Protein backbone atom coordinates (compact mmCIF):
# COMPACT_ATOMS: atom_id res chain seq x y z
CA MET A 1 160.34 123.33 -133.88
CA ASN A 2 163.34 125.33 -132.52
CA LYS A 3 165.61 125.16 -129.59
CA GLU A 4 162.61 127.09 -127.10
CA THR A 5 159.86 124.76 -127.97
CA ILE A 6 162.39 121.50 -127.36
CA ALA A 7 163.18 123.56 -124.22
CA GLN A 8 159.93 123.56 -123.42
CA TRP A 9 158.39 120.17 -124.25
CA PHE A 10 161.83 118.65 -121.61
CA GLN A 11 159.96 120.93 -119.08
CA SER A 12 156.41 119.05 -119.42
CA LEU A 13 158.42 115.80 -119.53
CA GLN A 14 160.07 116.73 -116.26
CA ASP A 15 156.88 117.72 -114.86
CA ASP A 16 155.02 114.23 -116.04
CA ILE A 17 157.79 112.12 -115.00
CA CYS A 18 157.78 113.64 -111.44
CA HIS A 19 154.10 114.12 -110.63
CA GLY A 20 153.88 109.71 -111.95
CA LEU A 21 157.02 108.52 -110.13
CA GLU A 22 156.02 110.44 -106.72
CA SER A 23 152.73 108.47 -107.57
CA VAL A 24 154.30 105.09 -107.43
CA ASP A 25 156.01 105.32 -104.56
CA GLY A 26 153.47 106.85 -102.66
CA LYS A 27 154.83 108.54 -99.78
CA ALA A 28 157.80 111.12 -100.57
CA SER A 29 157.30 114.23 -103.18
CA PHE A 30 160.00 115.78 -105.27
CA GLN A 31 161.56 118.99 -103.74
CA GLU A 32 162.53 121.52 -106.37
CA ASP A 33 165.14 123.90 -106.44
CA ARG A 34 165.49 126.47 -109.06
CA TRP A 35 169.01 127.60 -110.04
CA ASP A 36 170.98 129.88 -112.75
CA ARG A 37 174.19 129.64 -114.67
CA LYS A 38 176.58 133.23 -114.43
CA GLN A 39 177.39 132.54 -118.05
CA GLY A 40 173.80 131.78 -119.32
CA GLY A 41 170.61 129.77 -118.54
CA GLY A 42 169.81 127.44 -115.86
CA GLY A 43 167.56 124.64 -114.68
CA ARG A 44 165.26 122.94 -112.11
CA SER A 45 166.50 120.58 -109.89
CA ARG A 46 163.85 117.96 -108.21
CA VAL A 47 164.59 115.40 -105.80
CA ILE A 48 162.69 112.46 -104.27
CA SER A 49 164.40 111.55 -100.65
CA ASN A 50 163.17 109.15 -98.00
CA GLY A 51 160.11 107.26 -99.87
CA ALA A 52 158.57 104.35 -99.74
CA VAL A 53 160.76 102.78 -101.92
CA PHE A 54 162.83 105.93 -103.56
CA GLU A 55 165.77 106.20 -101.47
CA LYS A 56 166.78 109.00 -103.41
CA GLY A 57 166.34 110.32 -106.95
CA GLY A 58 166.72 113.39 -109.28
CA VAL A 59 164.97 114.53 -112.31
CA ASN A 60 166.45 117.43 -113.53
CA PHE A 61 165.81 119.53 -116.45
CA SER A 62 168.47 122.40 -117.62
CA ALA A 63 168.67 124.72 -120.57
CA VAL A 64 171.69 126.63 -120.55
CA HIS A 65 173.74 128.57 -123.15
CA GLY A 66 176.98 131.07 -123.72
CA PRO A 67 180.53 130.38 -124.92
CA THR A 68 181.60 127.34 -125.73
CA PRO A 69 184.59 126.14 -123.45
CA GLU A 70 187.70 125.50 -124.99
CA LYS A 71 188.33 122.20 -123.57
CA VAL A 72 184.58 121.05 -125.11
CA THR A 73 185.41 122.70 -128.78
CA LYS A 74 189.10 121.12 -128.58
CA ALA A 75 187.84 117.40 -128.12
CA LEU A 76 184.88 117.64 -129.98
CA GLY A 77 186.89 119.05 -133.07
CA LEU A 78 184.89 122.18 -133.71
CA ALA A 79 185.46 125.85 -133.95
CA PRO A 80 185.16 128.41 -131.28
CA ALA A 81 181.28 129.32 -130.75
CA ASP A 82 178.38 129.81 -128.43
CA PHE A 83 176.27 127.09 -127.16
CA PHE A 84 173.00 126.24 -126.41
CA ALA A 85 172.17 122.73 -124.66
CA THR A 86 169.00 121.59 -122.99
CA GLY A 87 167.51 118.26 -121.76
CA VAL A 88 166.28 116.13 -119.05
CA SER A 89 168.16 113.79 -116.70
CA ILE A 90 167.41 111.10 -114.22
CA VAL A 91 168.60 109.33 -112.08
CA ILE A 92 166.66 106.30 -109.38
CA HIS A 93 168.15 104.95 -106.51
CA PRO A 94 165.67 102.68 -104.98
CA ASN A 95 166.10 101.52 -101.33
CA HIS A 96 164.88 98.21 -101.84
CA PRO A 97 167.99 95.85 -103.45
CA TRP A 98 165.45 93.63 -105.93
CA VAL A 99 164.62 97.16 -107.52
CA PRO A 100 166.67 98.21 -109.88
CA ILE A 101 168.76 101.74 -110.49
CA ILE A 102 167.40 103.66 -113.90
CA HIS A 103 169.19 106.52 -115.41
CA MET A 104 167.40 108.45 -118.71
CA ASN A 105 168.56 111.16 -120.38
CA VAL A 106 167.47 113.00 -123.26
CA ARG A 107 169.27 115.93 -124.89
CA TYR A 108 169.59 118.77 -128.01
CA PHE A 109 172.55 120.93 -128.24
CA GLU A 110 172.94 123.22 -130.42
CA MET A 111 175.84 125.94 -131.49
CA SER A 112 175.91 129.29 -133.30
CA SER A 113 177.74 128.12 -136.29
CA GLY A 114 174.43 125.68 -137.34
CA THR A 115 175.86 122.65 -135.79
CA TYR A 116 173.52 120.51 -133.77
CA TRP A 117 172.57 117.29 -132.48
CA PHE A 118 170.49 114.89 -130.48
CA GLY A 119 171.50 112.20 -127.54
CA GLY A 120 170.53 110.46 -125.06
CA GLY A 121 169.21 106.98 -123.55
CA ILE A 122 168.18 104.90 -121.05
CA ASP A 123 169.96 101.99 -119.04
CA LEU A 124 169.08 99.79 -116.07
CA THR A 125 171.39 98.82 -113.45
CA PRO A 126 169.84 95.89 -111.34
CA HIS A 127 171.58 95.25 -108.11
CA TYR A 128 170.25 91.33 -108.42
CA ILE A 129 169.88 90.64 -112.73
CA ILE A 130 166.65 89.26 -113.21
CA PRO A 131 166.36 88.04 -116.83
CA HIS A 132 162.97 88.30 -117.22
CA ASP A 133 163.11 91.97 -116.09
CA ALA A 134 166.03 92.53 -117.94
CA ALA A 135 164.22 90.96 -121.50
CA TYR A 136 161.09 93.53 -120.74
CA PHE A 137 163.14 96.15 -120.52
CA HIS A 138 165.11 95.91 -123.49
CA ARG A 139 161.66 94.62 -125.31
CA ALA A 140 160.01 97.72 -124.62
CA LEU A 141 163.21 100.29 -125.71
CA ARG A 142 163.17 98.13 -128.98
CA ASP A 143 159.67 98.26 -129.73
CA VAL A 144 160.39 102.24 -129.42
CA CYS A 145 163.63 102.25 -131.50
CA ASP A 146 161.81 99.89 -134.60
CA SER A 147 158.80 102.40 -134.20
CA PHE A 148 161.41 105.12 -136.62
CA ASP A 149 164.69 102.78 -137.44
CA GLY A 150 164.97 98.83 -137.68
CA ASP A 151 168.68 99.63 -137.40
CA TYR A 152 168.27 101.81 -134.18
CA TYR A 153 167.91 99.13 -131.47
CA PRO A 154 171.04 96.75 -132.40
CA ARG A 155 172.75 99.98 -132.77
CA PHE A 156 172.45 101.88 -129.77
CA LYS A 157 172.14 98.71 -128.01
CA GLN A 158 175.76 97.87 -128.64
CA TRP A 159 176.59 101.77 -128.28
CA ALA A 160 175.09 101.12 -124.59
CA ASP A 161 177.07 98.27 -124.03
CA ASP A 162 180.16 99.65 -124.96
CA TYR A 163 179.49 103.13 -123.21
CA PHE A 164 178.24 101.76 -120.05
CA PHE A 165 181.32 99.68 -119.46
CA ILE A 166 183.34 100.01 -116.15
CA LYS A 167 187.08 99.41 -118.01
CA HIS A 168 188.76 99.10 -114.81
CA ARG A 169 186.31 96.38 -113.76
CA GLU A 170 185.85 94.84 -116.68
CA GLU A 171 182.37 94.68 -116.36
CA THR A 172 179.10 96.56 -117.64
CA ARG A 173 177.38 99.08 -115.33
CA GLY A 174 173.87 96.92 -115.50
CA VAL A 175 172.24 95.30 -118.49
CA GLY A 176 172.35 98.11 -120.33
CA GLY A 177 170.03 99.48 -122.81
CA ILE A 178 170.43 101.99 -125.42
CA PHE A 179 172.63 104.83 -125.84
CA PHE A 180 172.89 107.23 -128.54
CA ASP A 181 174.78 110.69 -129.46
CA HIS A 182 175.45 113.51 -131.81
CA LEU A 183 172.25 112.48 -134.21
CA GLN A 184 171.71 114.98 -136.77
CA GLY A 185 170.07 115.32 -140.39
CA SER A 186 170.94 117.17 -143.28
CA THR A 187 166.78 118.19 -143.70
CA ASP A 188 164.51 119.91 -141.48
CA ALA A 189 162.57 116.92 -141.84
CA GLU A 190 165.04 114.52 -140.66
CA LYS A 191 165.67 116.94 -137.35
CA GLN A 192 162.22 116.64 -137.10
CA GLU A 193 161.84 112.73 -137.02
CA LEU A 194 164.74 112.74 -134.77
CA TRP A 195 163.23 115.01 -132.62
CA GLU A 196 160.24 112.75 -132.52
CA PHE A 197 162.14 109.50 -131.35
CA VAL A 198 163.75 111.70 -128.46
CA GLN A 199 160.60 112.54 -127.11
CA ALA A 200 159.47 108.50 -127.45
CA VAL A 201 162.11 108.02 -125.63
CA GLY A 202 161.17 110.38 -122.77
CA GLN A 203 157.79 108.79 -122.80
CA CYS A 204 159.37 105.27 -122.34
CA PHE A 205 160.79 106.21 -119.07
CA LEU A 206 157.97 105.94 -116.95
CA PRO A 207 155.25 103.41 -117.82
CA THR A 208 158.80 100.91 -118.76
CA TYR A 209 160.36 101.92 -114.60
CA SER A 210 157.04 101.26 -112.99
CA THR A 211 156.34 98.00 -114.10
CA LEU A 212 159.90 97.11 -112.46
CA VAL A 213 159.15 99.04 -109.43
CA HIS A 214 155.83 97.17 -108.72
CA ARG A 215 157.00 93.89 -109.92
CA ASN A 216 159.42 93.63 -107.44
CA ARG A 217 159.05 95.93 -104.29
CA GLU A 218 157.32 93.75 -102.07
CA LYS A 219 159.88 91.11 -102.18
CA PRO A 220 161.14 90.03 -98.86
CA TYR A 221 164.82 90.94 -98.55
CA ASP A 222 167.94 90.44 -95.91
CA GLU A 223 170.59 92.35 -94.87
CA ASN A 224 173.16 90.37 -96.86
CA GLU A 225 171.01 91.60 -99.85
CA ARG A 226 170.68 94.98 -98.89
CA GLN A 227 174.59 94.94 -98.26
CA TRP A 228 175.03 93.54 -101.96
CA GLN A 229 172.86 96.38 -102.83
CA LEU A 230 175.24 98.92 -101.31
CA LEU A 231 178.46 97.15 -103.05
CA ARG A 232 176.59 97.41 -106.48
CA ARG A 233 176.14 101.40 -105.63
CA GLY A 234 180.01 101.96 -105.24
CA ARG A 235 180.26 100.45 -109.18
CA TYR A 236 177.92 103.16 -109.76
CA VAL A 237 179.68 105.72 -108.41
CA GLU A 238 182.88 104.43 -109.67
CA PHE A 239 181.51 104.81 -113.63
CA ASN A 240 179.52 108.22 -113.17
CA LEU A 241 182.99 109.85 -111.23
CA VAL A 242 185.80 108.38 -113.48
CA TYR A 243 183.83 107.26 -116.93
CA ASP A 244 180.65 109.52 -117.73
CA LYS A 245 180.78 112.44 -119.89
CA GLY A 246 177.32 114.11 -119.42
CA THR A 247 179.04 114.52 -115.62
CA LYS A 248 182.34 115.63 -117.42
CA PHE A 249 180.41 118.16 -119.62
CA GLY A 250 178.53 119.77 -116.70
CA LEU A 251 181.18 120.43 -114.73
CA ASP A 252 183.68 121.67 -117.73
CA THR A 253 180.67 124.11 -118.77
CA ASN A 254 180.40 125.14 -114.93
CA GLY A 255 177.59 123.51 -114.63
CA ARG A 256 175.55 123.80 -111.29
CA THR A 257 177.55 120.83 -109.19
CA GLU A 258 174.84 119.77 -106.91
CA SER A 259 172.66 118.73 -109.93
CA ILE A 260 175.53 117.26 -111.61
CA LEU A 261 176.38 115.31 -108.81
CA MET A 262 172.43 114.02 -108.35
CA SER A 263 173.22 110.64 -109.77
CA LEU A 264 175.09 109.48 -106.58
CA PRO A 265 173.51 107.75 -103.91
CA PRO A 266 173.04 108.47 -100.54
CA THR A 267 174.86 105.51 -98.59
CA VAL A 268 177.06 103.26 -100.77
CA GLN A 269 179.81 100.74 -99.48
CA TRP A 270 183.46 99.26 -100.92
CA GLU A 271 184.76 96.44 -99.68
CA TYR A 272 187.98 95.19 -100.29
CA ASN A 273 188.59 91.83 -102.56
CA HIS A 274 184.99 91.08 -102.34
CA GLN A 275 184.11 87.62 -103.98
CA PRO A 276 181.09 86.41 -104.08
CA GLU A 277 180.56 82.81 -104.64
CA SER A 278 179.71 81.64 -107.94
CA LYS A 279 176.71 80.14 -107.60
CA SER A 280 175.00 82.23 -105.33
CA PRO A 281 172.30 85.15 -106.75
CA GLU A 282 175.28 87.87 -106.43
CA GLY A 283 177.76 85.52 -108.07
CA LYS A 284 175.23 84.85 -111.17
CA THR A 285 174.48 88.29 -111.61
CA LEU A 286 178.10 89.09 -111.21
CA ALA A 287 178.54 86.67 -113.91
CA SER A 288 176.21 88.55 -116.33
CA LEU A 289 177.74 92.08 -116.31
CA LYS A 290 179.02 91.28 -119.48
CA LYS A 291 179.09 92.88 -123.08
CA ASN A 292 176.98 91.57 -126.02
CA ILE A 293 174.25 89.69 -124.02
CA ASN A 294 170.73 89.29 -126.04
CA TRP A 295 168.28 90.25 -123.44
CA ILE A 296 165.37 90.32 -125.21
CA ASP A 297 165.49 86.51 -125.24
CA ALA A 298 166.48 85.85 -121.59
């Protein structure tokens, strides 16, 4: 297992997820845009839009390489070296307020100095929190984690709670999920096991999200719920542009701007000092955007 075989597998994951999401949507297809990075490497950006349920979504693959920017090496405390980074990044924005936004990223990074690590995770951002959906989502992630290490789920769930937190709002972005970074081992066997874990996380995405889409896509909704969806998308934008490390890394390494900002929704709204009534569905959702909730038993 080397960087080339890892990149090839990520490409096949992109293919499988795109085909699966097209089947779930039933109307729209992904449009592919291949791109090259001047400093080395490139990728395949695939975007779906104006579908039966997916208003906008992207499933991106990239494999880029070249000299590591000084800003990055300083931030990581590493000596100058060349880098190779590959992975798949997904964000889906549905057109239905009761179908959640989902994000997944699985990635591999190595440097010519010998340093390497895996990272990734999946998190769910419902516009309206449905406790049994959150429980289903977290159980699926726990089962993947537990098949490798019993410490993974609580550790990576806490990491997601802390990472996907909008500090200036004192809100979590959604119901969290799992997040991990800088996973590395000291032997080839440990590296192989980490790689298999990352693969399992990637393969968990499609069946888990498909179930949540089918559960909710036929629910009726009104204009008030659509407006709430647009306000919650605003929070998503705030996190991605202010805090998201993947966005910052992509821009710092001269990545393709269109692909990096693919995660942003097509339509969004900000309303000054919007305060929903506390007992309304909107107010209950807002009250549940907290860290350290045990969603599995919700």
